[in-house]
Amino acid sequence: MARELGLDHRTVSKYTRAHTWQEVTRRPPRKPSALDPCLDYLQQRQDEDSTAQHEDPA
């Protein structure tokens, strides 16, 4: 079947083992990043920088 479809045999196996298509498309949860504790601060700084760029220099 894989050869006829031009797909890797592991891809075909993955789909044939799955009971629903959602099982195949489900992604594993994202691993925490080292920057996660700082995300609020970084977002705040980015917002401040973008606001400062749009102000009149006068």
PDB file of N, CA and C in Angstrom:
ATOM      1  N   MET A   1       0.824  -1.190   0.000  1.00  0.00           N
ATOM      2  CA  MET A   1       0.000   0.000   0.000  1.00  0.00           C
ATOM      3  C   MET A   1       0.872   1.259   0.000  1.00  0.00           C
ATOM      4  N   ALA A   2       1.913   1.270   0.829  1.00  0.00           N
ATOM      5  CA  ALA A   2       2.786   2.431   0.906  1.00  0.00           C
ATOM      6  C   ALA A   2       3.430   2.726  -0.444  1.00  0.00           C
ATOM      7  N   ARG A   3       3.872   1.691  -1.117  1.00  0.00           N
ATOM      8  CA  ARG A   3       4.512   1.874  -2.414  1.00  0.00           C
ATOM      9  C   ARG A   3       3.531   2.433  -3.436  1.00  0.00           C
ATOM     10  N   GLU A   4       2.300   1.934  -3.412  1.00  0.00           N
ATOM     11  CA  GLU A   4       1.283   2.413  -4.358  1.00  0.00           C
ATOM     12  C   GLU A   4       0.950   3.880  -4.116  1.00  0.00           C
ATOM     13  N   LEU A   5       0.958   4.298  -2.851  1.00  0.00           N
ATOM     14  CA  LEU A   5       0.625   5.681  -2.519  1.00  0.00           C
ATOM     15  C   LEU A   5       1.828   6.611  -2.576  1.00  0.00           C
ATOM     16  N   GLY A   6       3.012   6.033  -2.671  1.00  0.00           N
ATOM     17  CA  GLY A   6       4.221   6.849  -2.699  1.00  0.00           C
ATOM     18  C   GLY A   6       4.550   7.424  -1.323  1.00  0.00           C
ATOM     19  N   LEU A   7       4.171   6.688  -0.261  1.00  0.00           N
ATOM     20  CA  LEU A   7       4.411   7.138   1.106  1.00  0.00           C
ATOM     21  C   LEU A   7       5.352   6.176   1.812  1.00  0.00           C
ATOM     22  N   ASP A   8       5.975   6.668   2.866  1.00  0.00           N
ATOM     23  CA  ASP A   8       6.816   5.817   3.690  1.00  0.00           C
ATOM     24  C   ASP A   8       5.954   4.773   4.397  1.00  0.00           C
ATOM     25  N   HIS A   9       6.467   3.584   4.583  1.00  0.00           N
ATOM     26  CA  HIS A   9       5.679   2.524   5.223  1.00  0.00           C
ATOM     27  C   HIS A   9       5.315   2.876   6.666  1.00  0.00           C
ATOM     28  N   ARG A  10       6.161   3.685   7.335  1.00  0.00           N
ATOM     29  CA  ARG A  10       5.840   4.088   8.708  1.00  0.00           C
ATOM     30  C   ARG A  10       4.648   5.040   8.744  1.00  0.00           C
ATOM     31  N   THR A  11       4.530   5.889   7.738  1.00  0.00           N
ATOM     32  CA  THR A  11       3.383   6.798   7.653  1.00  0.00           C
ATOM     33  C   THR A  11       2.098   6.009   7.477  1.00  0.00           C
ATOM     34  N   VAL A  12       2.124   5.055   6.582  1.00  0.00           N
ATOM     35  CA  VAL A  12       0.940   4.222   6.341  1.00  0.00           C
ATOM     36  C   VAL A  12       0.598   3.441   7.605  1.00  0.00           C
ATOM     37  N   SER A  13       1.589   2.887   8.280  1.00  0.00           N
ATOM     38  CA  SER A  13       1.346   2.142   9.519  1.00  0.00           C
ATOM     39  C   SER A  13       0.712   3.028  10.584  1.00  0.00           C
ATOM     40  N   LYS A  14       1.196   4.250  10.692  1.00  0.00           N
ATOM     41  CA  LYS A  14       0.659   5.183  11.685  1.00  0.00           C
ATOM     42  C   LYS A  14      -0.826   5.432  11.439  1.00  0.00           C
ATOM     43  N   TYR A  15      -1.191   5.639  10.191  1.00  0.00           N
ATOM     44  CA  TYR A  15      -2.590   5.912   9.870  1.00  0.00           C
ATOM     45  C   TYR A  15      -3.469   4.670  10.015  1.00  0.00           C
ATOM     46  N   THR A  16      -2.939   3.506   9.697  1.00  0.00           N
ATOM     47  CA  THR A  16      -3.761   2.302   9.810  1.00  0.00           C
ATOM     48  C   THR A  16      -3.969   1.895  11.267  1.00  0.00           C
ATOM     49  N   ARG A  17      -3.021   2.215  12.138  1.00  0.00           N
ATOM     50  CA  ARG A  17      -3.183   1.900  13.570  1.00  0.00           C
ATOM     51  C   ARG A  17      -4.154   2.849  14.260  1.00  0.00           C
ATOM     52  N   ALA A  18      -4.293   4.065  13.756  1.00  0.00           N
ATOM     53  CA  ALA A  18      -5.128   5.080  14.402  1.00  0.00           C
ATOM     54  C   ALA A  18      -6.607   4.756  14.242  1.00  0.00           C
ATOM     55  N   HIS A  19      -7.369   4.995  15.295  1.00  0.00           N
ATOM     56  CA  HIS A  19      -8.821   4.785  15.245  1.00  0.00           C
ATOM     57  C   HIS A  19      -9.529   5.995  14.633  1.00  0.00           C
ATOM     58  N   THR A  20      -8.966   7.189  14.838  1.00  0.00           N
ATOM     59  CA  THR A  20      -9.531   8.417  14.266  1.00  0.00           C
ATOM     60  C   THR A  20      -8.399   9.255  13.690  1.00  0.00           C
ATOM     61  N   TRP A  21      -8.734  10.195  12.818  1.00  0.00           N
ATOM     62  CA  TRP A  21      -7.702  11.057  12.234  1.00  0.00           C
ATOM     63  C   TRP A  21      -7.099  11.993  13.273  1.00  0.00           C
ATOM     64  N   GLN A  22      -7.861  12.310  14.352  1.00  0.00           N
ATOM     65  CA  GLN A  22      -7.342  13.193  15.387  1.00  0.00           C
ATOM     66  C   GLN A  22      -6.143  12.569  16.109  1.00  0.00           C
ATOM     67  N   GLU A  23      -6.133  11.256  16.218  1.00  0.00           N
ATOM     68  CA  GLU A  23      -5.005  10.585  16.855  1.00  0.00           C
ATOM     69  C   GLU A  23      -3.714  10.813  16.083  1.00  0.00           C
ATOM     70  N   VAL A  24      -3.813  10.921  14.789  1.00  0.00           N
ATOM     71  CA  VAL A  24      -2.624  11.088  13.955  1.00  0.00           C
ATOM     72  C   VAL A  24      -2.157  12.541  13.974  1.00  0.00           C
ATOM     73  N   THR A  25      -3.085  13.471  14.025  1.00  0.00           N
ATOM     74  CA  THR A  25      -2.715  14.880  13.940  1.00  0.00           C
ATOM     75  C   THR A  25      -2.419  15.502  15.295  1.00  0.00           C
ATOM     76  N   ARG A  26      -2.693  14.799  16.369  1.00  0.00           N
ATOM     77  CA  ARG A  26      -2.457  15.336  17.703  1.00  0.00           C
ATOM     78  C   ARG A  26      -0.965  15.561  17.927  1.00  0.00           C
ATOM     79  N   ARG A  27      -0.615  16.739  18.424  1.00  0.00           N
ATOM     80  CA  ARG A  27       0.779  17.052  18.713  1.00  0.00           C
ATOM     81  C   ARG A  27       1.046  16.881  20.199  1.00  0.00           C
ATOM     82  N   PRO A  28       2.251  16.477  20.538  1.00  0.00           N
ATOM     83  CA  PRO A  28       2.576  16.367  21.956  1.00  0.00           C
ATOM     84  C   PRO A  28       2.624  17.757  22.598  1.00  0.00           C
ATOM     85  N   PRO A  29       2.392  17.841  23.903  1.00  0.00           N
ATOM     86  CA  PRO A  29       2.438  19.143  24.558  1.00  0.00           C
ATOM     87  C   PRO A  29       3.823  19.773  24.430  1.00  0.00           C
ATOM     88  N   ARG A  30       3.829  21.094  24.364  1.00  0.00           N
ATOM     89  CA  ARG A  30       5.081  21.832  24.218  1.00  0.00           C
ATOM     90  C   ARG A  30       5.896  21.727  25.502  1.00  0.00           C
ATOM     91  N   LYS A  31       7.191  21.519  25.342  1.00  0.00           N
ATOM     92  CA  LYS A  31       8.079  21.471  26.500  1.00  0.00           C
ATOM     93  C   LYS A  31       8.243  22.892  27.046  1.00  0.00           C
ATOM     94  N   PRO A  32       8.365  23.040  28.343  1.00  0.00           N
ATOM     95  CA  PRO A  32       8.590  24.376  28.889  1.00  0.00           C
ATOM     96  C   PRO A  32       9.940  24.920  28.420  1.00  0.00           C
ATOM     97  N   SER A  33       9.953  26.196  28.137  1.00  0.00           N
ATOM     98  CA  SER A  33      11.162  26.866  27.694  1.00  0.00           C
ATOM     99  C   SER A  33      11.855  27.508  28.895  1.00  0.00           C
ATOM    100  N   ALA A  34      13.138  27.735  28.760  1.00  0.00           N
ATOM    101  CA  ALA A  34      13.885  28.434  29.811  1.00  0.00           C
ATOM    102  C   ALA A  34      13.392  29.876  29.943  1.00  0.00           C
ATOM    103  N   LEU A  35      12.775  30.405  28.887  1.00  0.00           N
ATOM    104  CA  LEU A  35      12.288  31.781  28.912  1.00  0.00           C
ATOM    105  C   LEU A  35      10.860  31.906  29.435  1.00  0.00           C
ATOM    106  N   ASP A  36      10.171  30.808  29.648  1.00  0.00           N
ATOM    107  CA  ASP A  36       8.784  30.859  30.106  1.00  0.00           C
ATOM    108  C   ASP A  36       8.578  31.752  31.336  1.00  0.00           C
ATOM    109  N   PRO A  37       9.433  31.694  32.356  1.00  0.00           N
ATOM    110  CA  PRO A  37       9.221  32.571  33.511  1.00  0.00           C
ATOM    111  C   PRO A  37       9.331  34.062  33.171  1.00  0.00           C
ATOM    112  N   CYS A  38       9.986  34.387  32.069  1.00  0.00           N
ATOM    113  CA  CYS A  38      10.230  35.786  31.694  1.00  0.00           C
ATOM    114  C   CYS A  38       9.279  36.295  30.616  1.00  0.00           C
ATOM    115  N   LEU A  39       8.350  35.485  30.136  1.00  0.00           N
ATOM    116  CA  LEU A  39       7.528  35.861  28.989  1.00  0.00           C
ATOM    117  C   LEU A  39       6.711  37.128  29.223  1.00  0.00           C
ATOM    118  N   ASP A  40       6.147  37.292  30.404  1.00  0.00           N
ATOM    119  CA  ASP A  40       5.365  38.500  30.681  1.00  0.00           C
ATOM    120  C   ASP A  40       6.243  39.742  30.594  1.00  0.00           C
ATOM    121  N   TYR A  41       7.415  39.680  31.181  1.00  0.00           N
ATOM    122  CA  TYR A  41       8.350  40.811  31.146  1.00  0.00           C
ATOM    123  C   TYR A  41       8.781  41.106  29.710  1.00  0.00           C
ATOM    124  N   LEU A  42       9.109  40.073  28.961  1.00  0.00           N
ATOM    125  CA  LEU A  42       9.546  40.271  27.579  1.00  0.00           C
ATOM    126  C   LEU A  42       8.432  40.870  26.723  1.00  0.00           C
ATOM    127  N   GLN A  43       7.201  40.431  26.931  1.00  0.00           N
ATOM    128  CA  GLN A  43       6.074  40.985  26.190  1.00  0.00           C
ATOM    129  C   GLN A  43       5.877  42.456  26.539  1.00  0.00           C
ATOM    130  N   GLN A  44       6.021  42.787  27.815  1.00  0.00           N
ATOM    131  CA  GLN A  44       5.886  44.173  28.261  1.00  0.00           C
ATOM    132  C   GLN A  44       6.951  45.049  27.603  1.00  0.00           C
ATOM    133  N   ARG A  45       8.189  44.585  27.580  1.00  0.00           N
ATOM    134  CA  ARG A  45       9.268  45.356  26.954  1.00  0.00           C
ATOM    135  C   ARG A  45       9.020  45.523  25.455  1.00  0.00           C
ATOM    136  N   GLN A  46       8.553  44.496  24.810  1.00  0.00           N
ATOM    137  CA  GLN A  46       8.281  44.581  23.381  1.00  0.00           C
ATOM    138  C   GLN A  46       7.168  45.594  23.119  1.00  0.00           C
ATOM    139  N   ASP A  47       6.134  45.588  23.949  1.00  0.00           N
ATOM    140  CA  ASP A  47       5.040  46.548  23.799  1.00  0.00           C
ATOM    141  C   ASP A  47       5.543  47.971  23.999  1.00  0.00           C
ATOM    142  N   GLU A  48       6.408  48.177  24.996  1.00  0.00           N
ATOM    143  CA  GLU A  48       6.964  49.506  25.252  1.00  0.00           C
ATOM    144  C   GLU A  48       7.820  49.975  24.082  1.00  0.00           C
ATOM    145  N   ASP A  49       8.626  49.090  23.536  1.00  0.00           N
ATOM    146  CA  ASP A  49       9.487  49.446  22.408  1.00  0.00           C
ATOM    147  C   ASP A  49       8.676  49.792  21.174  1.00  0.00           C
ATOM    148  N   SER A  50       7.627  49.049  20.905  1.00  0.00           N
ATOM    149  CA  SER A  50       6.838  49.335  19.710  1.00  0.00           C
ATOM    150  C   SER A  50       6.055  50.633  19.881  1.00  0.00           C
ATOM    151  N   THR A  51       5.649  50.950  21.109  1.00  0.00           N
ATOM    152  CA  THR A  51       4.953  52.211  21.371  1.00  0.00           C
ATOM    153  C   THR A  51       5.914  53.387  21.208  1.00  0.00           C
ATOM    154  N   ALA A  52       7.128  53.241  21.689  1.00  0.00           N
ATOM    155  CA  ALA A  52       8.127  54.308  21.584  1.00  0.00           C
ATOM    156  C   ALA A  52       8.504  54.590  20.138  1.00  0.00           C
ATOM    157  N   GLN A  53       8.496  53.607  19.298  1.00  0.00           N
ATOM    158  CA  GLN A  53       8.846  53.787  17.893  1.00  0.00           C
ATOM    159  C   GLN A  53       7.787  54.581  17.146  1.00  0.00           C
ATOM    160  N   HIS A  54       6.547  54.558  17.597  1.00  0.00           N
ATOM    161  CA  HIS A  54       5.458  55.212  16.885  1.00  0.00           C
ATOM    162  C   HIS A  54       5.142  56.617  17.434  1.00  0.00           C
ATOM    163  N   GLU A  55       5.844  57.045  18.465  1.00  0.00           N
ATOM    164  CA  GLU A  55       5.604  58.379  19.021  1.00  0.00           C
ATOM    165  C   GLU A  55       6.315  59.426  18.194  1.00  0.00           C
ATOM    166  N   ASP A  56       5.803  60.679  18.227  1.00  0.00           N
ATOM    167  CA  ASP A  56       6.454  61.779  17.529  1.00  0.00           C
ATOM    168  C   ASP A  56       7.732  62.156  18.269  1.00  0.00           C
ATOM    169  N   PRO A  57       8.831  62.366  17.552  1.00  0.00           N
ATOM    170  CA  PRO A  57      10.094  62.712  18.197  1.00  0.00           C
ATOM    171  C   PRO A  57      10.142  64.168  18.670  1.00  0.00           C
ATOM    172  N   ALA A  58       9.122  64.948  18.376  1.00  0.00           N
ATOM    173  CA  ALA A  58       9.112  66.372  18.744  1.00  0.00           C
ATOM    174  C   ALA A  58       8.939  66.556  20.171  1.00  0.00           C
TER     175      ALA A  58
END
